[in-house]
């Protein structure tokens, strides 16, 4: 049991000192988000939609990346209105740590 804790701690420390990936223009990654729709009625639960967007880096700033959305995939959405809402509200600038970049 103690050995497993040591391994987990070692992996955590190794990730802290791992060099950050250099992002280049044209790199592709996946951005994940959740759209939550709350209702006025307290008796019903809010609706959550998982969103996965394939993005391409257009411009690299110090702590932001301007992205182009290539494709948007949603889970649990069957209405075209919800898909249009998601497409219209995707951010244009994202912090690079929120994108899972493609491994080359």
PDB file of N, CA and C in Angstrom:
ATOM      1  N   UNK A   1       0.823  -1.190   0.000  1.00  0.00           N
ATOM      2  CA  UNK A   1       0.000   0.000   0.000  1.00  0.00           C
ATOM      3  C   UNK A   1       0.873   1.262   0.000  1.00  0.00           C
ATOM      4  N   UNK A   2       1.903   1.267   0.822  1.00  0.00           N
ATOM      5  CA  UNK A   2       2.787   2.429   0.882  1.00  0.00           C
ATOM      6  C   UNK A   2       3.538   2.610  -0.429  1.00  0.00           C
ATOM      7  N   UNK A   3       3.871   1.495  -1.073  1.00  0.00           N
ATOM      8  CA  UNK A   3       4.605   1.575  -2.332  1.00  0.00           C
ATOM      9  C   UNK A   3       3.727   2.201  -3.420  1.00  0.00           C
ATOM     10  N   UNK A   4       2.428   1.906  -3.433  1.00  0.00           N
ATOM     11  CA  UNK A   4       1.521   2.502  -4.424  1.00  0.00           C
ATOM     12  C   UNK A   4       1.428   4.007  -4.222  1.00  0.00           C
ATOM     13  N   UNK A   5       1.385   4.455  -2.972  1.00  0.00           N
ATOM     14  CA  UNK A   5       1.338   5.891  -2.686  1.00  0.00           C
ATOM     15  C   UNK A   5       2.608   6.588  -3.152  1.00  0.00           C
ATOM     16  N   UNK A   6       3.748   5.918  -2.987  1.00  0.00           N
ATOM     17  CA  UNK A   6       5.013   6.486  -3.436  1.00  0.00           C
ATOM     18  C   UNK A   6       5.046   6.621  -4.954  1.00  0.00           C
ATOM     19  N   UNK A   7       4.491   5.641  -5.656  1.00  0.00           N
ATOM     20  CA  UNK A   7       4.454   5.687  -7.121  1.00  0.00           C
ATOM     21  C   UNK A   7       3.566   6.832  -7.590  1.00  0.00           C
ATOM     22  N   UNK A   8       2.412   6.992  -6.961  1.00  0.00           N
ATOM     23  CA  UNK A   8       1.503   8.077  -7.335  1.00  0.00           C
ATOM     24  C   UNK A   8       2.153   9.430  -7.053  1.00  0.00           C
ATOM     25  N   UNK A   9       2.804   9.570  -5.925  1.00  0.00           N
ATOM     26  CA  UNK A   9       3.484  10.812  -5.585  1.00  0.00           C
ATOM     27  C   UNK A   9       4.612  11.102  -6.576  1.00  0.00           C
ATOM     28  N   UNK A  10       5.366  10.076  -6.940  1.00  0.00           N
ATOM     29  CA  UNK A  10       6.448  10.244  -7.904  1.00  0.00           C
ATOM     30  C   UNK A  10       5.907  10.691  -9.257  1.00  0.00           C
ATOM     31  N   UNK A  11       4.801  10.085  -9.716  1.00  0.00           N
ATOM     32  CA  UNK A  11       4.199  10.482 -10.990  1.00  0.00           C
ATOM     33  C   UNK A  11       3.707  11.930 -10.948  1.00  0.00           C
ATOM     34  N   UNK A  12       3.139  12.333  -9.813  1.00  0.00           N
ATOM     35  CA  UNK A  12       2.667  13.714  -9.650  1.00  0.00           C
ATOM     36  C   UNK A  12       3.824  14.697  -9.736  1.00  0.00           C
ATOM     37  N   UNK A  13       4.908  14.398  -9.049  1.00  0.00           N
ATOM     38  CA  UNK A  13       6.077  15.275  -9.056  1.00  0.00           C
ATOM     39  C   UNK A  13       6.692  15.327 -10.452  1.00  0.00           C
ATOM     40  N   UNK A  14       6.724  14.199 -11.145  1.00  0.00           N
ATOM     41  CA  UNK A  14       7.273  14.145 -12.499  1.00  0.00           C
ATOM     42  C   UNK A  14       6.454  15.022 -13.457  1.00  0.00           C
ATOM     43  N   UNK A  15       5.128  15.046 -13.297  1.00  0.00           N
ATOM     44  CA  UNK A  15       4.278  15.874 -14.150  1.00  0.00           C
ATOM     45  C   UNK A  15       4.486  17.359 -13.875  1.00  0.00           C
ATOM     46  N   UNK A  16       4.797  17.703 -12.614  1.00  0.00           N
ATOM     47  CA  UNK A  16       5.029  19.111 -12.271  1.00  0.00           C
ATOM     48  C   UNK A  16       6.244  19.683 -13.005  1.00  0.00           C
ATOM     49  N   UNK A  17       7.277  18.875 -13.155  1.00  0.00           N
ATOM     50  CA  UNK A  17       8.519  19.352 -13.754  1.00  0.00           C
ATOM     51  C   UNK A  17       8.646  19.004 -15.234  1.00  0.00           C
ATOM     52  N   UNK A  18       7.613  18.414 -15.804  1.00  0.00           N
ATOM     53  CA  UNK A  18       7.630  18.082 -17.221  1.00  0.00           C
ATOM     54  C   UNK A  18       7.599  19.381 -18.039  1.00  0.00           C
ATOM     55  N   UNK A  19       8.459  19.503 -19.034  1.00  0.00           N
ATOM     56  CA  UNK A  19       8.459  20.737 -19.825  1.00  0.00           C
ATOM     57  C   UNK A  19       7.134  20.891 -20.575  1.00  0.00           C
ATOM     58  N   UNK A  20       6.667  22.139 -20.646  1.00  0.00           N
ATOM     59  CA  UNK A  20       5.406  22.401 -21.329  1.00  0.00           C
ATOM     60  C   UNK A  20       5.594  22.264 -22.827  1.00  0.00           C
ATOM     61  N   UNK A  21       4.560  21.768 -23.479  1.00  0.00           N
ATOM     62  CA  UNK A  21       4.595  21.563 -24.915  1.00  0.00           C
ATOM     63  C   UNK A  21       4.574  22.909 -25.624  1.00  0.00           C
ATOM     64  N   UNK A  22       5.432  23.071 -26.609  1.00  0.00           N
ATOM     65  CA  UNK A  22       5.446  24.291 -27.409  1.00  0.00           C
ATOM     66  C   UNK A  22       4.376  24.161 -28.476  1.00  0.00           C
ATOM     67  N   UNK A  23       3.483  25.117 -28.501  1.00  0.00           N
ATOM     68  CA  UNK A  23       2.371  25.114 -29.447  1.00  0.00           C
ATOM     69  C   UNK A  23       2.773  25.937 -30.661  1.00  0.00           C
ATOM     70  N   UNK A  24       2.478  25.404 -31.830  1.00  0.00           N
ATOM     71  CA  UNK A  24       2.784  26.083 -33.087  1.00  0.00           C
ATOM     72  C   UNK A  24       1.494  26.380 -33.828  1.00  0.00           C
ATOM     73  N   UNK A  25       1.543  27.358 -34.718  1.00  0.00           N
ATOM     74  CA  UNK A  25       0.398  27.671 -35.568  1.00  0.00           C
ATOM     75  C   UNK A  25       0.105  26.448 -36.431  1.00  0.00           C
ATOM     76  N   UNK A  26      -1.165  26.079 -36.484  1.00  0.00           N
ATOM     77  CA  UNK A  26      -1.572  24.923 -37.266  1.00  0.00           C
ATOM     78  C   UNK A  26      -1.740  23.655 -36.452  1.00  0.00           C
ATOM     79  N   UNK A  27      -1.302  23.658 -35.194  1.00  0.00           N
ATOM     80  CA  UNK A  27      -1.483  22.478 -34.340  1.00  0.00           C
ATOM     81  C   UNK A  27      -2.964  22.223 -34.121  1.00  0.00           C
ATOM     82  N   UNK A  28      -3.313  20.955 -34.014  1.00  0.00           N
ATOM     83  CA  UNK A  28      -4.705  20.538 -33.848  1.00  0.00           C
ATOM     84  C   UNK A  28      -4.881  19.923 -32.475  1.00  0.00           C
ATOM     85  N   UNK A  29      -6.028  20.186 -31.863  1.00  0.00           N
ATOM     86  CA  UNK A  29      -6.321  19.629 -30.548  1.00  0.00           C
ATOM     87  C   UNK A  29      -7.811  19.504 -30.332  1.00  0.00           C
ATOM     88  N   UNK A  30      -8.166  18.970 -29.170  1.00  0.00           N
ATOM     89  CA  UNK A  30      -9.564  18.783 -28.794  1.00  0.00           C
ATOM     90  C   UNK A  30      -9.839  19.637 -27.561  1.00  0.00           C
ATOM     91  N   UNK A  31     -10.895  20.431 -27.643  1.00  0.00           N
ATOM     92  CA  UNK A  31     -11.351  21.247 -26.524  1.00  0.00           C
ATOM     93  C   UNK A  31     -12.657  20.651 -26.018  1.00  0.00           C
ATOM     94  N   UNK A  32     -12.737  20.379 -24.721  1.00  0.00           N
ATOM     95  CA  UNK A  32     -13.932  19.783 -24.132  1.00  0.00           C
ATOM     96  C   UNK A  32     -14.604  20.795 -23.217  1.00  0.00           C
ATOM     97  N   UNK A  33     -15.920  20.855 -23.292  1.00  0.00           N
ATOM     98  CA  UNK A  33     -16.693  21.763 -22.448  1.00  0.00           C
ATOM     99  C   UNK A  33     -18.044  21.119 -22.168  1.00  0.00           C
ATOM    100  N   UNK A  34     -18.778  21.705 -21.233  1.00  0.00           N
ATOM    101  CA  UNK A  34     -20.117  21.230 -20.890  1.00  0.00           C
ATOM    102  C   UNK A  34     -21.064  22.416 -20.961  1.00  0.00           C
ATOM    103  N   UNK A  35     -22.130  22.265 -21.737  1.00  0.00           N
ATOM    104  CA  UNK A  35     -23.181  23.272 -21.801  1.00  0.00           C
ATOM    105  C   UNK A  35     -24.257  22.852 -20.815  1.00  0.00           C
ATOM    106  N   UNK A  36     -24.595  23.746 -19.872  1.00  0.00           N
ATOM    107  CA  UNK A  36     -25.626  23.466 -18.887  1.00  0.00           C
ATOM    108  C   UNK A  36     -26.791  24.406 -19.121  1.00  0.00           C
ATOM    109  N   UNK A  37     -27.976  23.835 -19.253  1.00  0.00           N
ATOM    110  CA  UNK A  37     -29.194  24.624 -19.438  1.00  0.00           C
ATOM    111  C   UNK A  37     -30.012  24.472 -18.170  1.00  0.00           C
ATOM    112  N   UNK A  38     -30.152  25.575 -17.426  1.00  0.00           N
ATOM    113  CA  UNK A  38     -30.943  25.570 -16.201  1.00  0.00           C
ATOM    114  C   UNK A  38     -32.376  25.974 -16.515  1.00  0.00           C
ATOM    115  N   UNK A  39     -33.309  25.421 -15.772  1.00  0.00           N
ATOM    116  CA  UNK A  39     -34.717  25.743 -15.952  1.00  0.00           C
ATOM    117  C   UNK A  39     -35.207  26.598 -14.790  1.00  0.00           C
ATOM    118  N   UNK A  40     -36.282  27.308 -15.007  1.00  0.00           N
ATOM    119  CA  UNK A  40     -36.874  28.132 -13.952  1.00  0.00           C
ATOM    120  C   UNK A  40     -37.576  27.252 -12.921  1.00  0.00           C
ATOM    121  N   UNK A  41     -38.152  26.160 -13.361  1.00  0.00           N
ATOM    122  CA  UNK A  41     -38.892  25.253 -12.493  1.00  0.00           C
ATOM    123  C   UNK A  41     -37.918  24.499 -11.592  1.00  0.00           C
ATOM    124  N   UNK A  42     -38.117  24.585 -10.280  1.00  0.00           N
ATOM    125  CA  UNK A  42     -37.232  23.893  -9.337  1.00  0.00           C
ATOM    126  C   UNK A  42     -37.438  22.384  -9.346  1.00  0.00           C
ATOM    127  N   UNK A  43     -38.556  21.923  -9.870  1.00  0.00           N
ATOM    128  CA  UNK A  43     -38.850  20.492  -9.866  1.00  0.00           C
ATOM    129  C   UNK A  43     -38.122  19.708 -10.940  1.00  0.00           C
ATOM    130  N   UNK A  44     -37.530  20.394 -11.896  1.00  0.00           N
ATOM    131  CA  UNK A  44     -36.806  19.697 -12.956  1.00  0.00           C
ATOM    132  C   UNK A  44     -35.312  19.942 -12.806  1.00  0.00           C
ATOM    133  N   UNK A  45     -34.542  19.037 -13.309  1.00  0.00           N
ATOM    134  CA  UNK A  45     -33.087  19.152 -13.236  1.00  0.00           C
ATOM    135  C   UNK A  45     -32.559  19.891 -14.457  1.00  0.00           C
ATOM    136  N   UNK A  46     -31.371  20.450 -14.316  1.00  0.00           N
ATOM    137  CA  UNK A  46     -30.746  21.123 -15.452  1.00  0.00           C
ATOM    138  C   UNK A  46     -30.279  20.085 -16.465  1.00  0.00           C
ATOM    139  N   UNK A  47     -30.136  20.523 -17.692  1.00  0.00           N
ATOM    140  CA  UNK A  47     -29.684  19.648 -18.768  1.00  0.00           C
ATOM    141  C   UNK A  47     -28.210  19.920 -19.032  1.00  0.00           C
ATOM    142  N   UNK A  48     -27.430  18.860 -19.143  1.00  0.00           N
ATOM    143  CA  UNK A  48     -25.999  18.982 -19.416  1.00  0.00           C
ATOM    144  C   UNK A  48     -25.680  18.320 -20.748  1.00  0.00           C
ATOM    145  N   UNK A  49     -24.940  19.030 -21.579  1.00  0.00           N
ATOM    146  CA  UNK A  49     -24.532  18.504 -22.878  1.00  0.00           C
ATOM    147  C   UNK A  49     -23.002  18.531 -22.947  1.00  0.00           C
ATOM    148  N   UNK A  50     -22.410  17.391 -23.204  1.00  0.00           N
ATOM    149  CA  UNK A  50     -20.957  17.312 -23.377  1.00  0.00           C
ATOM    150  C   UNK A  50     -20.608  17.774 -24.785  1.00  0.00           C
ATOM    151  N   UNK A  51     -19.620  18.648 -24.868  1.00  0.00           N
ATOM    152  CA  UNK A  51     -19.201  19.215 -26.151  1.00  0.00           C
ATOM    153  C   UNK A  51     -17.721  18.897 -26.366  1.00  0.00           C
ATOM    154  N   UNK A  52     -17.405  18.397 -27.534  1.00  0.00           N
ATOM    155  CA  UNK A  52     -16.019  18.167 -27.926  1.00  0.00           C
ATOM    156  C   UNK A  52     -15.801  18.901 -29.240  1.00  0.00           C
ATOM    157  N   UNK A  53     -14.854  19.834 -29.245  1.00  0.00           N
ATOM    158  CA  UNK A  53     -14.577  20.618 -30.446  1.00  0.00           C
ATOM    159  C   UNK A  53     -13.155  20.342 -30.909  1.00  0.00           C
ATOM    160  N   UNK A  54     -13.020  19.994 -32.174  1.00  0.00           N
ATOM    161  CA  UNK A  54     -11.698  19.842 -32.775  1.00  0.00           C
ATOM    162  C   UNK A  54     -11.291  21.223 -33.260  1.00  0.00           C
ATOM    163  N   UNK A  55     -10.143  21.688 -32.782  1.00  0.00           N
ATOM    164  CA  UNK A  55      -9.715  23.061 -33.060  1.00  0.00           C
ATOM    165  C   UNK A  55      -8.319  23.087 -33.673  1.00  0.00           C
ATOM    166  N   UNK A  56      -8.030  24.188 -34.367  1.00  0.00           N
ATOM    167  CA  UNK A  56      -6.706  24.420 -34.950  1.00  0.00           C
ATOM    168  C   UNK A  56      -6.201  25.764 -34.429  1.00  0.00           C
ATOM    169  N   UNK A  57      -4.955  25.814 -34.038  1.00  0.00           N
ATOM    170  CA  UNK A  57      -4.353  27.049 -33.537  1.00  0.00           C
ATOM    171  C   UNK A  57      -4.061  27.983 -34.708  1.00  0.00           C
ATOM    172  N   UNK A  58      -4.615  29.188 -34.637  1.00  0.00           N
ATOM    173  CA  UNK A  58      -4.380  30.182 -35.684  1.00  0.00           C
ATOM    174  C   UNK A  58      -3.275  31.157 -35.294  1.00  0.00           C
ATOM    175  N   UNK A  59      -3.354  31.670 -34.071  1.00  0.00           N
ATOM    176  CA  UNK A  59      -2.380  32.634 -33.575  1.00  0.00           C
ATOM    177  C   UNK A  59      -2.047  32.280 -32.142  1.00  0.00           C
ATOM    178  N   UNK A  60      -0.780  32.355 -31.796  1.00  0.00           N
ATOM    179  CA  UNK A  60      -0.326  32.034 -30.450  1.00  0.00           C
ATOM    180  C   UNK A  60       0.025  33.340 -29.741  1.00  0.00           C
ATOM    181  N   UNK A  61      -0.602  33.564 -28.597  1.00  0.00           N
ATOM    182  CA  UNK A  61      -0.279  34.710 -27.752  1.00  0.00           C
ATOM    183  C   UNK A  61       0.439  34.192 -26.511  1.00  0.00           C
ATOM    184  N   UNK A  62       0.767  35.070 -25.583  1.00  0.00           N
ATOM    185  CA  UNK A  62       1.543  34.663 -24.414  1.00  0.00           C
ATOM    186  C   UNK A  62       0.831  33.580 -23.613  1.00  0.00           C
ATOM    187  N   UNK A  63      -0.436  33.775 -23.302  1.00  0.00           N
ATOM    188  CA  UNK A  63      -1.173  32.792 -22.504  1.00  0.00           C
ATOM    189  C   UNK A  63      -2.527  32.461 -23.124  1.00  0.00           C
ATOM    190  N   UNK A  64      -2.705  32.777 -24.405  1.00  0.00           N
ATOM    191  CA  UNK A  64      -3.945  32.487 -25.119  1.00  0.00           C
ATOM    192  C   UNK A  64      -3.633  31.950 -26.504  1.00  0.00           C
ATOM    193  N   UNK A  65      -4.592  31.205 -27.026  1.00  0.00           N
ATOM    194  CA  UNK A  65      -4.489  30.696 -28.388  1.00  0.00           C
ATOM    195  C   UNK A  65      -5.762  31.086 -29.122  1.00  0.00           C
ATOM    196  N   UNK A  66      -5.602  31.735 -30.276  1.00  0.00           N
ATOM    197  CA  UNK A  66      -6.761  31.989 -31.134  1.00  0.00           C
ATOM    198  C   UNK A  66      -7.018  30.712 -31.912  1.00  0.00           C
ATOM    199  N   UNK A  67      -8.264  30.247 -31.881  1.00  0.00           N
ATOM    200  CA  UNK A  67      -8.567  28.952 -32.491  1.00  0.00           C
ATOM    201  C   UNK A  67      -9.564  29.082 -33.633  1.00  0.00           C
ATOM    202  N   UNK A  68      -9.486  28.110 -34.520  1.00  0.00           N
ATOM    203  CA  UNK A  68     -10.473  27.911 -35.573  1.00  0.00           C
ATOM    204  C   UNK A  68     -11.154  26.590 -35.260  1.00  0.00           C
ATOM    205  N   UNK A  69     -12.464  26.581 -35.241  1.00  0.00           N
ATOM    206  CA  UNK A  69     -13.205  25.358 -34.935  1.00  0.00           C
ATOM    207  C   UNK A  69     -13.361  24.552 -36.216  1.00  0.00           C
ATOM    208  N   UNK A  70     -12.838  23.342 -36.188  1.00  0.00           N
ATOM    209  CA  UNK A  70     -12.906  22.459 -37.350  1.00  0.00           C
ATOM    210  C   UNK A  70     -14.191  21.643 -37.321  1.00  0.00           C
ATOM    211  N   UNK A  71     -14.487  21.061 -36.160  1.00  0.00           N
ATOM    212  CA  UNK A  71     -15.654  20.185 -36.036  1.00  0.00           C
ATOM    213  C   UNK A  71     -16.142  20.219 -34.594  1.00  0.00           C
ATOM    214  N   UNK A  72     -17.448  20.165 -34.401  1.00  0.00           N
ATOM    215  CA  UNK A  72     -18.036  20.117 -33.070  1.00  0.00           C
ATOM    216  C   UNK A  72     -18.862  18.851 -32.962  1.00  0.00           C
ATOM    217  N   UNK A  73     -18.588  18.084 -31.915  1.00  0.00           N
ATOM    218  CA  UNK A  73     -19.346  16.866 -31.641  1.00  0.00           C
ATOM    219  C   UNK A  73     -20.005  17.024 -30.286  1.00  0.00           C
ATOM    220  N   UNK A  74     -21.283  16.720 -30.216  1.00  0.00           N
ATOM    221  CA  UNK A  74     -22.013  16.817 -28.964  1.00  0.00           C
ATOM    222  C   UNK A  74     -22.595  15.467 -28.603  1.00  0.00           C
ATOM    223  N   UNK A  75     -22.665  15.224 -27.312  1.00  0.00           N
ATOM    224  CA  UNK A  75     -23.258  13.989 -26.819  1.00  0.00           C
ATOM    225  C   UNK A  75     -24.572  14.355 -26.152  1.00  0.00           C
ATOM    226  N   UNK A  76     -25.587  13.544 -26.331  1.00  0.00           N
ATOM    227  CA  UNK A  76     -26.915  13.717 -25.740  1.00  0.00           C
ATOM    228  C   UNK A  76     -27.692  14.865 -26.370  1.00  0.00           C
ATOM    229  N   UNK A  77     -27.357  15.271 -27.572  1.00  0.00           N
ATOM    230  CA  UNK A  77     -28.104  16.338 -28.230  1.00  0.00           C
ATOM    231  C   UNK A  77     -28.755  15.778 -29.478  1.00  0.00           C
ATOM    232  N   UNK A  78     -30.064  15.963 -29.565  1.00  0.00           N
ATOM    233  CA  UNK A  78     -30.753  15.508 -30.764  1.00  0.00           C
ATOM    234  C   UNK A  78     -31.478  16.663 -31.456  1.00  0.00           C
ATOM    235  N   UNK A  79     -31.553  17.806 -30.817  1.00  0.00           N
ATOM    236  CA  UNK A  79     -32.235  18.960 -31.386  1.00  0.00           C
ATOM    237  C   UNK A  79     -31.254  19.848 -32.136  1.00  0.00           C
ATOM    238  N   UNK A  80     -31.650  20.297 -33.292  1.00  0.00           N
ATOM    239  CA  UNK A  80     -30.806  21.178 -34.095  1.00  0.00           C
ATOM    240  C   UNK A  80     -30.635  22.540 -33.431  1.00  0.00           C
ATOM    241  N   UNK A  81     -31.644  22.991 -32.665  1.00  0.00           N
ATOM    242  CA  UNK A  81     -31.554  24.290 -31.978  1.00  0.00           C
ATOM    243  C   UNK A  81     -30.419  24.307 -30.969  1.00  0.00           C
ATOM    244  N   UNK A  82     -30.229  23.213 -30.240  1.00  0.00           N
ATOM    245  CA  UNK A  82     -29.154  23.142 -29.246  1.00  0.00           C
ATOM    246  C   UNK A  82     -27.809  23.145 -29.952  1.00  0.00           C
ATOM    247  N   UNK A  83     -27.692  22.427 -31.055  1.00  0.00           N
ATOM    248  CA  UNK A  83     -26.449  22.418 -31.815  1.00  0.00           C
ATOM    249  C   UNK A  83     -26.108  23.814 -32.340  1.00  0.00           C
ATOM    250  N   UNK A  84     -27.105  24.554 -32.798  1.00  0.00           N
ATOM    251  CA  UNK A  84     -26.875  25.916 -33.276  1.00  0.00           C
ATOM    252  C   UNK A  84     -26.445  26.833 -32.130  1.00  0.00           C
ATOM    253  N   UNK A  85     -27.027  26.640 -30.947  1.00  0.00           N
ATOM    254  CA  UNK A  85     -26.642  27.420 -29.772  1.00  0.00           C
ATOM    255  C   UNK A  85     -25.184  27.158 -29.404  1.00  0.00           C
ATOM    256  N   UNK A  86     -24.780  25.910 -29.469  1.00  0.00           N
ATOM    257  CA  UNK A  86     -23.393  25.545 -29.163  1.00  0.00           C
ATOM    258  C   UNK A  86     -22.438  26.154 -30.187  1.00  0.00           C
ATOM    259  N   UNK A  87     -22.766  26.039 -31.460  1.00  0.00           N
ATOM    260  CA  UNK A  87     -21.904  26.593 -32.512  1.00  0.00           C
ATOM    261  C   UNK A  87     -21.747  28.100 -32.384  1.00  0.00           C
ATOM    262  N   UNK A  88     -22.814  28.793 -31.996  1.00  0.00           N
ATOM    263  CA  UNK A  88     -22.772  30.247 -31.898  1.00  0.00           C
ATOM    264  C   UNK A  88     -22.004  30.733 -30.677  1.00  0.00           C
ATOM    265  N   UNK A  89     -21.831  29.903 -29.663  1.00  0.00           N
ATOM    266  CA  UNK A  89     -21.224  30.353 -28.409  1.00  0.00           C
ATOM    267  C   UNK A  89     -19.867  29.729 -28.112  1.00  0.00           C
ATOM    268  N   UNK A  90     -19.232  29.117 -29.072  1.00  0.00           N
ATOM    269  CA  UNK A  90     -17.895  28.582 -28.847  1.00  0.00           C
ATOM    270  C   UNK A  90     -16.909  29.746 -28.760  1.00  0.00           C
ATOM    271  N   UNK A  91     -15.983  29.688 -27.807  1.00  0.00           N
ATOM    272  CA  UNK A  91     -15.028  30.798 -27.658  1.00  0.00           C
ATOM    273  C   UNK A  91     -14.037  30.858 -28.816  1.00  0.00           C
ATOM    274  N   UNK A  92     -13.499  32.046 -29.044  1.00  0.00           N
ATOM    275  CA  UNK A  92     -12.509  32.236 -30.102  1.00  0.00           C
ATOM    276  C   UNK A  92     -11.091  32.169 -29.549  1.00  0.00           C
ATOM    277  N   UNK A  93     -10.927  32.518 -28.271  1.00  0.00           N
ATOM    278  CA  UNK A  93      -9.626  32.498 -27.611  1.00  0.00           C
ATOM    279  C   UNK A  93      -9.708  31.593 -26.391  1.00  0.00           C
ATOM    280  N   UNK A  94      -8.737  30.687 -26.260  1.00  0.00           N
ATOM    281  CA  UNK A  94      -8.737  29.709 -25.170  1.00  0.00           C
ATOM    282  C   UNK A  94      -7.323  29.621 -24.605  1.00  0.00           C
ATOM    283  N   UNK A  95      -7.244  29.367 -23.323  1.00  0.00           N
ATOM    284  CA  UNK A  95      -5.939  29.092 -22.706  1.00  0.00           C
ATOM    285  C   UNK A  95      -5.466  27.723 -23.189  1.00  0.00           C
ATOM    286  N   UNK A  96      -4.214  27.595 -23.562  1.00  0.00           N
ATOM    287  CA  UNK A  96      -3.723  26.343 -24.142  1.00  0.00           C
ATOM    288  C   UNK A  96      -3.823  25.142 -23.207  1.00  0.00           C
ATOM    289  N   UNK A  97      -3.841  25.373 -21.894  1.00  0.00           N
ATOM    290  CA  UNK A  97      -3.907  24.243 -20.966  1.00  0.00           C
ATOM    291  C   UNK A  97      -5.260  23.538 -21.012  1.00  0.00           C
ATOM    292  N   UNK A  98      -6.290  24.162 -21.584  1.00  0.00           N
ATOM    293  CA  UNK A  98      -7.613  23.543 -21.666  1.00  0.00           C
ATOM    294  C   UNK A  98      -7.802  22.716 -22.935  1.00  0.00           C
ATOM    295  N   UNK A  99      -6.794  22.690 -23.780  1.00  0.00           N
ATOM    296  CA  UNK A  99      -6.876  21.941 -25.035  1.00  0.00           C
ATOM    297  C   UNK A  99      -5.944  20.747 -24.951  1.00  0.00           C
ATOM    298  N   UNK A 100      -6.446  19.590 -25.329  1.00  0.00           N
ATOM    299  CA  UNK A 100      -5.612  18.386 -25.403  1.00  0.00           C
ATOM    300  C   UNK A 100      -5.035  18.347 -26.823  1.00  0.00           C
ATOM    301  N   UNK A 101      -3.752  18.685 -26.927  1.00  0.00           N
ATOM    302  CA  UNK A 101      -3.099  18.811 -28.217  1.00  0.00           C
ATOM    303  C   UNK A 101      -2.762  17.450 -28.801  1.00  0.00           C
ATOM    304  N   UNK A 102      -2.831  17.368 -30.112  1.00  0.00           N
ATOM    305  CA  UNK A 102      -2.524  16.142 -30.846  1.00  0.00           C
ATOM    306  C   UNK A 102      -1.052  15.799 -30.676  1.00  0.00           C
ATOM    307  N   UNK A 103      -0.775  14.544 -30.402  1.00  0.00           N
ATOM    308  CA  UNK A 103       0.599  14.078 -30.233  1.00  0.00           C
ATOM    309  C   UNK A 103       1.145  13.763 -31.613  1.00  0.00           C
ATOM    310  N   UNK A 104       2.339  14.290 -31.909  1.00  0.00           N
ATOM    311  CA  UNK A 104       2.936  14.058 -33.225  1.00  0.00           C
ATOM    312  C   UNK A 104       4.127  13.155 -33.118  1.00  0.00           C
TER     313      UNK A 104
END
